[in-house]
Amino acid sequence: MSDLLVRLRGRGWRLTAQRRVVAEVLDGDHVHLTADEVHARAVERLPEISRATVYNTLGELVGLGEVMEVATDGRARRYDPNAHRPHQHLVCSGCGTIRDVHPAGDPLADLPAEQRFGFAVATAEVTYRGICPDCV
């Protein structure tokens, strides 16, 4: 069973066949699928699942904080099930591939006090950009 499914069961989230399939499609490392990609993969497992059900389920998962929306460079939003482990993203400027990365250090600590302008900073989002080996 996927980590996402375990978390959802622990929350008592009702796992219908459609919701389960969406959660299973999102399972794995470095998963950053668009809603249309989630739908296409879900249809392979459950042909009767509708696009609206996929979109609604993704919206619920984001609302629960179990999946994060990731938007890069005006491309379609992607859905990241790695919502409970702090990480940054490495994005290919060519094909848009996204990888989760876990660099050492604390990005909050890297922001000097004089650059915080009095903000009580709670989180930092860091995106690394470059070209993947397939696009080089």
N, C-alpha and C. Protein backbone atom coordinates (compact mmCIF):
# COMPACT_ATOMS: atom_id res chain seq x y z
N MET A 1 0.84 -1.18 0.00
CA MET A 1 0.00 0.00 0.00
C MET A 1 0.88 1.24 0.00
N SER A 2 0.47 2.24 -0.75
CA SER A 2 1.27 3.45 -0.87
C SER A 2 1.23 4.26 0.41
N ASP A 3 2.24 5.10 0.57
CA ASP A 3 2.32 6.00 1.71
C ASP A 3 1.10 6.93 1.73
N LEU A 4 0.70 7.41 0.56
CA LEU A 4 -0.45 8.30 0.48
C LEU A 4 -1.72 7.58 0.94
N LEU A 5 -1.91 6.35 0.50
CA LEU A 5 -3.09 5.59 0.92
C LEU A 5 -3.08 5.35 2.43
N VAL A 6 -1.92 5.05 2.98
CA VAL A 6 -1.81 4.85 4.43
C VAL A 6 -2.19 6.13 5.17
N ARG A 7 -1.68 7.26 4.70
CA ARG A 7 -2.01 8.54 5.34
C ARG A 7 -3.50 8.84 5.25
N LEU A 8 -4.09 8.57 4.09
CA LEU A 8 -5.51 8.85 3.91
C LEU A 8 -6.38 7.95 4.78
N ARG A 9 -6.01 6.69 4.86
CA ARG A 9 -6.75 5.78 5.74
C ARG A 9 -6.63 6.23 7.19
N GLY A 10 -5.45 6.67 7.58
CA GLY A 10 -5.23 7.15 8.95
C GLY A 10 -6.09 8.36 9.29
N ARG A 11 -6.43 9.14 8.28
CA ARG A 11 -7.27 10.32 8.48
C ARG A 11 -8.75 9.97 8.43
N GLY A 12 -9.06 8.71 8.07
CA GLY A 12 -10.45 8.30 7.96
C GLY A 12 -11.12 8.78 6.68
N TRP A 13 -10.32 9.12 5.67
CA TRP A 13 -10.85 9.60 4.39
C TRP A 13 -11.52 8.44 3.68
N ARG A 14 -12.75 8.62 3.25
CA ARG A 14 -13.49 7.55 2.59
C ARG A 14 -12.83 7.21 1.25
N LEU A 15 -12.34 5.99 1.13
CA LEU A 15 -11.64 5.58 -0.08
C LEU A 15 -12.58 4.83 -1.02
N THR A 16 -13.27 5.59 -1.86
CA THR A 16 -14.07 4.97 -2.92
C THR A 16 -13.10 4.38 -3.94
N ALA A 17 -13.63 3.61 -4.87
CA ALA A 17 -12.78 3.03 -5.91
C ALA A 17 -12.08 4.13 -6.71
N GLN A 18 -12.78 5.22 -6.99
CA GLN A 18 -12.21 6.31 -7.77
C GLN A 18 -11.10 7.03 -7.00
N ARG A 19 -11.36 7.33 -5.75
CA ARG A 19 -10.35 8.00 -4.93
C ARG A 19 -9.12 7.13 -4.76
N ARG A 20 -9.34 5.84 -4.56
CA ARG A 20 -8.23 4.92 -4.38
C ARG A 20 -7.34 4.89 -5.63
N VAL A 21 -7.96 4.84 -6.80
CA VAL A 21 -7.19 4.81 -8.05
C VAL A 21 -6.37 6.08 -8.20
N VAL A 22 -6.94 7.24 -7.91
CA VAL A 22 -6.19 8.49 -8.01
C VAL A 22 -5.00 8.46 -7.06
N ALA A 23 -5.21 8.00 -5.83
CA ALA A 23 -4.12 7.92 -4.86
C ALA A 23 -3.05 6.94 -5.32
N GLU A 24 -3.46 5.82 -5.91
CA GLU A 24 -2.48 4.84 -6.41
C GLU A 24 -1.66 5.41 -7.56
N VAL A 25 -2.30 6.18 -8.44
CA VAL A 25 -1.59 6.79 -9.57
C VAL A 25 -0.53 7.77 -9.06
N LEU A 26 -0.81 8.43 -7.96
CA LEU A 26 0.13 9.41 -7.41
C LEU A 26 1.25 8.77 -6.59
N ASP A 27 1.22 7.47 -6.41
CA ASP A 27 2.21 6.80 -5.59
C ASP A 27 3.57 6.74 -6.29
N GLY A 28 4.64 6.93 -5.53
CA GLY A 28 5.99 6.76 -6.05
C GLY A 28 6.87 7.95 -5.78
N ASP A 29 8.14 7.78 -6.07
CA ASP A 29 9.12 8.85 -5.92
C ASP A 29 9.10 9.74 -7.16
N HIS A 30 9.34 11.01 -6.97
CA HIS A 30 9.45 11.99 -8.04
C HIS A 30 8.19 12.06 -8.90
N VAL A 31 7.02 11.85 -8.30
CA VAL A 31 5.76 11.92 -9.03
C VAL A 31 5.30 13.38 -9.05
N HIS A 32 5.14 13.90 -10.25
CA HIS A 32 4.68 15.27 -10.44
C HIS A 32 3.82 15.29 -11.69
N LEU A 33 2.66 14.67 -11.63
CA LEU A 33 1.79 14.52 -12.79
C LEU A 33 0.81 15.68 -12.90
N THR A 34 0.43 16.01 -14.13
CA THR A 34 -0.66 16.96 -14.33
C THR A 34 -1.97 16.24 -14.06
N ALA A 35 -3.06 16.99 -13.93
CA ALA A 35 -4.37 16.38 -13.72
C ALA A 35 -4.73 15.49 -14.91
N ASP A 36 -4.40 15.94 -16.12
CA ASP A 36 -4.70 15.12 -17.30
C ASP A 36 -3.89 13.82 -17.30
N GLU A 37 -2.64 13.88 -16.85
CA GLU A 37 -1.84 12.66 -16.76
C GLU A 37 -2.40 11.72 -15.70
N VAL A 38 -2.84 12.28 -14.58
CA VAL A 38 -3.47 11.46 -13.53
C VAL A 38 -4.71 10.79 -14.12
N HIS A 39 -5.52 11.54 -14.83
CA HIS A 39 -6.74 10.99 -15.42
C HIS A 39 -6.41 9.87 -16.41
N ALA A 40 -5.45 10.09 -17.29
CA ALA A 40 -5.08 9.08 -18.29
C ALA A 40 -4.63 7.78 -17.62
N ARG A 41 -3.84 7.89 -16.57
CA ARG A 41 -3.37 6.69 -15.87
C ARG A 41 -4.49 6.04 -15.07
N ALA A 42 -5.38 6.86 -14.52
CA ALA A 42 -6.51 6.33 -13.75
C ALA A 42 -7.46 5.55 -14.65
N VAL A 43 -7.69 6.04 -15.86
CA VAL A 43 -8.58 5.38 -16.82
C VAL A 43 -8.05 3.99 -17.18
N GLU A 44 -6.73 3.84 -17.21
CA GLU A 44 -6.15 2.52 -17.49
C GLU A 44 -6.53 1.51 -16.41
N ARG A 45 -6.70 1.97 -15.19
CA ARG A 45 -7.04 1.09 -14.06
C ARG A 45 -8.54 0.98 -13.83
N LEU A 46 -9.24 2.09 -14.10
CA LEU A 46 -10.68 2.15 -13.84
C LEU A 46 -11.31 2.95 -15.00
N PRO A 47 -11.65 2.26 -16.10
CA PRO A 47 -12.08 2.94 -17.32
C PRO A 47 -13.24 3.92 -17.15
N GLU A 48 -14.10 3.71 -16.18
CA GLU A 48 -15.27 4.58 -16.03
C GLU A 48 -15.01 5.86 -15.23
N ILE A 49 -13.79 6.06 -14.73
CA ILE A 49 -13.51 7.25 -13.93
C ILE A 49 -13.57 8.49 -14.82
N SER A 50 -14.24 9.51 -14.34
CA SER A 50 -14.40 10.74 -15.14
C SER A 50 -13.28 11.73 -14.82
N ARG A 51 -13.09 12.62 -15.77
CA ARG A 51 -12.11 13.70 -15.59
C ARG A 51 -12.52 14.57 -14.40
N ALA A 52 -13.82 14.85 -14.26
CA ALA A 52 -14.30 15.67 -13.14
C ALA A 52 -13.99 15.01 -11.80
N THR A 53 -14.15 13.70 -11.72
CA THR A 53 -13.84 13.00 -10.47
C THR A 53 -12.36 13.12 -10.13
N VAL A 54 -11.50 13.01 -11.13
CA VAL A 54 -10.06 13.15 -10.91
C VAL A 54 -9.75 14.56 -10.42
N TYR A 55 -10.28 15.57 -11.09
CA TYR A 55 -10.03 16.96 -10.69
C TYR A 55 -10.55 17.21 -9.27
N ASN A 56 -11.76 16.73 -8.98
CA ASN A 56 -12.33 16.92 -7.64
C ASN A 56 -11.50 16.22 -6.58
N THR A 57 -11.04 15.01 -6.87
CA THR A 57 -10.23 14.26 -5.91
C THR A 57 -8.90 14.96 -5.68
N LEU A 58 -8.27 15.43 -6.74
CA LEU A 58 -7.02 16.17 -6.58
C LEU A 58 -7.23 17.42 -5.73
N GLY A 59 -8.32 18.13 -5.97
CA GLY A 59 -8.64 19.31 -5.17
C GLY A 59 -8.82 18.97 -3.70
N GLU A 60 -9.48 17.84 -3.42
CA GLU A 60 -9.66 17.41 -2.03
C GLU A 60 -8.32 17.06 -1.39
N LEU A 61 -7.47 16.36 -2.13
CA LEU A 61 -6.17 15.96 -1.59
C LEU A 61 -5.30 17.18 -1.30
N VAL A 62 -5.36 18.18 -2.15
CA VAL A 62 -4.62 19.43 -1.91
C VAL A 62 -5.20 20.12 -0.68
N GLY A 63 -6.53 20.18 -0.59
CA GLY A 63 -7.18 20.80 0.55
C GLY A 63 -6.85 20.13 1.87
N LEU A 64 -6.67 18.81 1.83
CA LEU A 64 -6.29 18.06 3.03
C LEU A 64 -4.82 18.23 3.38
N GLY A 65 -4.03 18.77 2.44
CA GLY A 65 -2.59 18.90 2.67
C GLY A 65 -1.84 17.61 2.42
N GLU A 66 -2.47 16.67 1.74
CA GLU A 66 -1.82 15.38 1.45
C GLU A 66 -1.09 15.38 0.12
N VAL A 67 -1.41 16.35 -0.73
CA VAL A 67 -0.77 16.50 -2.03
C VAL A 67 -0.54 18.00 -2.23
N MET A 68 0.60 18.34 -2.82
CA MET A 68 0.91 19.75 -3.10
C MET A 68 0.75 20.03 -4.59
N GLU A 69 0.26 21.23 -4.89
CA GLU A 69 0.26 21.69 -6.27
C GLU A 69 1.61 22.34 -6.55
N VAL A 70 2.19 21.99 -7.68
CA VAL A 70 3.47 22.55 -8.08
C VAL A 70 3.27 23.21 -9.45
N ALA A 71 3.58 24.49 -9.53
CA ALA A 71 3.47 25.21 -10.79
C ALA A 71 4.85 25.76 -11.14
N THR A 72 5.30 25.50 -12.36
CA THR A 72 6.61 26.00 -12.79
C THR A 72 6.48 26.61 -14.18
N ASP A 73 6.97 27.82 -14.33
CA ASP A 73 7.10 28.47 -15.63
C ASP A 73 5.83 28.48 -16.48
N GLY A 74 4.68 28.69 -15.88
CA GLY A 74 3.45 28.78 -16.65
C GLY A 74 2.98 27.47 -17.25
N ARG A 75 3.61 26.39 -16.89
CA ARG A 75 3.17 25.08 -17.37
C ARG A 75 1.97 24.64 -16.53
N ALA A 76 1.35 23.55 -16.94
CA ALA A 76 0.21 23.02 -16.20
C ALA A 76 0.62 22.69 -14.77
N ARG A 77 -0.31 22.87 -13.84
CA ARG A 77 -0.04 22.50 -12.45
C ARG A 77 0.20 21.00 -12.36
N ARG A 78 1.12 20.67 -11.48
CA ARG A 78 1.43 19.26 -11.25
C ARG A 78 1.14 18.95 -9.79
N TYR A 79 0.95 17.68 -9.51
CA TYR A 79 0.55 17.25 -8.17
C TYR A 79 1.63 16.37 -7.58
N ASP A 80 2.10 16.77 -6.40
CA ASP A 80 3.23 16.13 -5.72
C ASP A 80 2.73 15.50 -4.42
N PRO A 81 2.77 14.15 -4.33
CA PRO A 81 2.31 13.49 -3.11
C PRO A 81 3.31 13.54 -1.96
N ASN A 82 4.47 14.10 -2.20
CA ASN A 82 5.51 14.17 -1.18
C ASN A 82 5.29 15.43 -0.33
N ALA A 83 4.11 15.51 0.28
CA ALA A 83 3.71 16.73 0.99
C ALA A 83 4.18 16.79 2.43
N HIS A 84 4.70 15.69 2.94
CA HIS A 84 5.04 15.66 4.37
C HIS A 84 6.53 15.61 4.65
N ARG A 85 7.34 15.68 3.64
CA ARG A 85 8.80 15.73 3.83
C ARG A 85 9.31 16.97 3.14
N PRO A 86 9.89 17.88 3.89
CA PRO A 86 10.38 19.12 3.26
C PRO A 86 11.36 18.80 2.12
N HIS A 87 11.16 19.46 1.00
CA HIS A 87 12.04 19.26 -0.14
C HIS A 87 11.89 20.44 -1.10
N GLN A 88 12.82 20.50 -2.03
CA GLN A 88 12.76 21.48 -3.10
C GLN A 88 12.61 20.73 -4.41
N HIS A 89 12.53 21.48 -5.50
CA HIS A 89 12.36 20.86 -6.81
C HIS A 89 13.49 21.27 -7.75
N LEU A 90 13.87 20.31 -8.57
CA LEU A 90 14.83 20.49 -9.65
C LEU A 90 14.02 20.36 -10.93
N VAL A 91 13.99 21.41 -11.76
CA VAL A 91 13.13 21.45 -12.93
C VAL A 91 13.97 21.59 -14.19
N CYS A 92 13.67 20.75 -15.19
CA CYS A 92 14.35 20.86 -16.48
C CYS A 92 13.67 21.97 -17.29
N SER A 93 14.46 22.93 -17.74
CA SER A 93 13.94 24.05 -18.53
C SER A 93 13.55 23.61 -19.94
N GLY A 94 14.00 22.42 -20.34
CA GLY A 94 13.65 21.92 -21.66
C GLY A 94 12.33 21.18 -21.68
N CYS A 95 12.25 20.06 -20.99
CA CYS A 95 11.07 19.20 -21.05
C CYS A 95 10.12 19.36 -19.87
N GLY A 96 10.56 20.05 -18.82
CA GLY A 96 9.69 20.26 -17.67
C GLY A 96 9.73 19.17 -16.62
N THR A 97 10.61 18.19 -16.79
CA THR A 97 10.74 17.13 -15.79
C THR A 97 11.03 17.74 -14.43
N ILE A 98 10.40 17.21 -13.39
CA ILE A 98 10.60 17.71 -12.03
C ILE A 98 11.09 16.56 -11.16
N ARG A 99 12.11 16.84 -10.37
CA ARG A 99 12.64 15.87 -9.41
C ARG A 99 12.63 16.51 -8.04
N ASP A 100 12.32 15.70 -7.02
CA ASP A 100 12.43 16.16 -5.64
C ASP A 100 13.88 16.08 -5.22
N VAL A 101 14.37 17.12 -4.55
CA VAL A 101 15.73 17.13 -4.04
C VAL A 101 15.71 17.53 -2.57
N HIS A 102 16.68 17.04 -1.85
CA HIS A 102 16.77 17.27 -0.41
C HIS A 102 18.17 17.76 -0.05
N PRO A 103 18.50 19.01 -0.45
CA PRO A 103 19.83 19.51 -0.14
C PRO A 103 20.02 19.73 1.36
N ALA A 104 21.26 19.64 1.77
CA ALA A 104 21.58 19.89 3.18
C ALA A 104 21.40 21.37 3.46
N GLY A 105 21.11 21.68 4.68
CA GLY A 105 20.97 23.08 5.08
C GLY A 105 19.51 23.48 5.18
N ASP A 106 19.31 24.66 5.69
CA ASP A 106 17.98 25.19 5.92
C ASP A 106 17.83 26.47 5.12
N PRO A 107 16.95 26.50 4.09
CA PRO A 107 16.82 27.72 3.29
C PRO A 107 16.34 28.92 4.12
N LEU A 108 15.62 28.67 5.20
CA LEU A 108 15.19 29.78 6.06
C LEU A 108 16.39 30.42 6.76
N ALA A 109 17.34 29.58 7.15
CA ALA A 109 18.52 30.09 7.83
C ALA A 109 19.42 30.88 6.88
N ASP A 110 19.29 30.61 5.57
CA ASP A 110 20.12 31.28 4.57
C ASP A 110 19.66 32.70 4.26
N LEU A 111 18.47 33.07 4.74
CA LEU A 111 17.96 34.41 4.50
C LEU A 111 18.38 35.32 5.65
N PRO A 112 19.31 36.24 5.39
CA PRO A 112 19.80 37.11 6.47
C PRO A 112 18.67 37.94 7.08
N ALA A 113 18.79 38.25 8.35
CA ALA A 113 17.77 39.00 9.08
C ALA A 113 17.45 40.33 8.39
N GLU A 114 18.48 41.01 7.87
CA GLU A 114 18.24 42.31 7.23
C GLU A 114 17.48 42.17 5.91
N GLN A 115 17.39 40.96 5.35
CA GLN A 115 16.65 40.73 4.12
C GLN A 115 15.23 40.21 4.38
N ARG A 116 14.85 40.09 5.63
CA ARG A 116 13.50 39.60 5.97
C ARG A 116 12.49 40.73 6.08
N PHE A 117 12.96 41.97 6.18
CA PHE A 117 12.10 43.15 6.21
C PHE A 117 11.00 43.03 7.26
N GLY A 118 11.33 42.44 8.40
CA GLY A 118 10.38 42.32 9.49
C GLY A 118 9.40 41.17 9.36
N PHE A 119 9.49 40.41 8.27
CA PHE A 119 8.59 39.27 8.09
C PHE A 119 8.93 38.17 9.09
N ALA A 120 7.93 37.48 9.59
CA ALA A 120 8.11 36.27 10.37
C ALA A 120 8.03 35.13 9.36
N VAL A 121 9.15 34.79 8.77
CA VAL A 121 9.18 33.81 7.68
C VAL A 121 8.93 32.41 8.23
N ALA A 122 7.97 31.71 7.62
CA ALA A 122 7.59 30.38 8.08
C ALA A 122 8.07 29.28 7.14
N THR A 123 8.09 29.55 5.83
CA THR A 123 8.50 28.53 4.87
C THR A 123 9.30 29.18 3.75
N ALA A 124 10.01 28.34 3.01
CA ALA A 124 10.75 28.80 1.84
C ALA A 124 10.53 27.78 0.72
N GLU A 125 10.34 28.28 -0.48
CA GLU A 125 10.20 27.41 -1.64
C GLU A 125 11.38 27.69 -2.56
N VAL A 126 12.20 26.69 -2.77
CA VAL A 126 13.38 26.83 -3.60
C VAL A 126 13.20 25.94 -4.83
N THR A 127 13.43 26.50 -6.00
CA THR A 127 13.35 25.72 -7.23
C THR A 127 14.68 25.86 -7.96
N TYR A 128 15.30 24.74 -8.24
CA TYR A 128 16.54 24.71 -9.01
C TYR A 128 16.16 24.43 -10.45
N ARG A 129 16.76 25.16 -11.38
CA ARG A 129 16.45 24.99 -12.80
C ARG A 129 17.71 24.64 -13.57
N GLY A 130 17.53 23.84 -14.57
CA GLY A 130 18.65 23.44 -15.42
C GLY A 130 18.16 22.58 -16.55
N ILE A 131 19.05 21.86 -17.16
CA ILE A 131 18.73 20.97 -18.29
C ILE A 131 19.00 19.53 -17.87
N CYS A 132 18.02 18.66 -18.05
CA CYS A 132 18.19 17.25 -17.67
C CYS A 132 19.08 16.54 -18.68
N PRO A 133 19.57 15.35 -18.33
CA PRO A 133 20.45 14.62 -19.26
C PRO A 133 19.79 14.29 -20.60
N ASP A 134 18.47 14.08 -20.62
CA ASP A 134 17.79 13.76 -21.88
C ASP A 134 17.72 14.96 -22.81
N CYS A 135 17.70 16.17 -22.25
CA CYS A 135 17.59 17.38 -23.09
C CYS A 135 18.94 17.98 -23.47
N VAL A 136 20.01 17.54 -22.84
CA VAL A 136 21.33 18.11 -23.13
C VAL A 136 21.74 17.84 -24.56
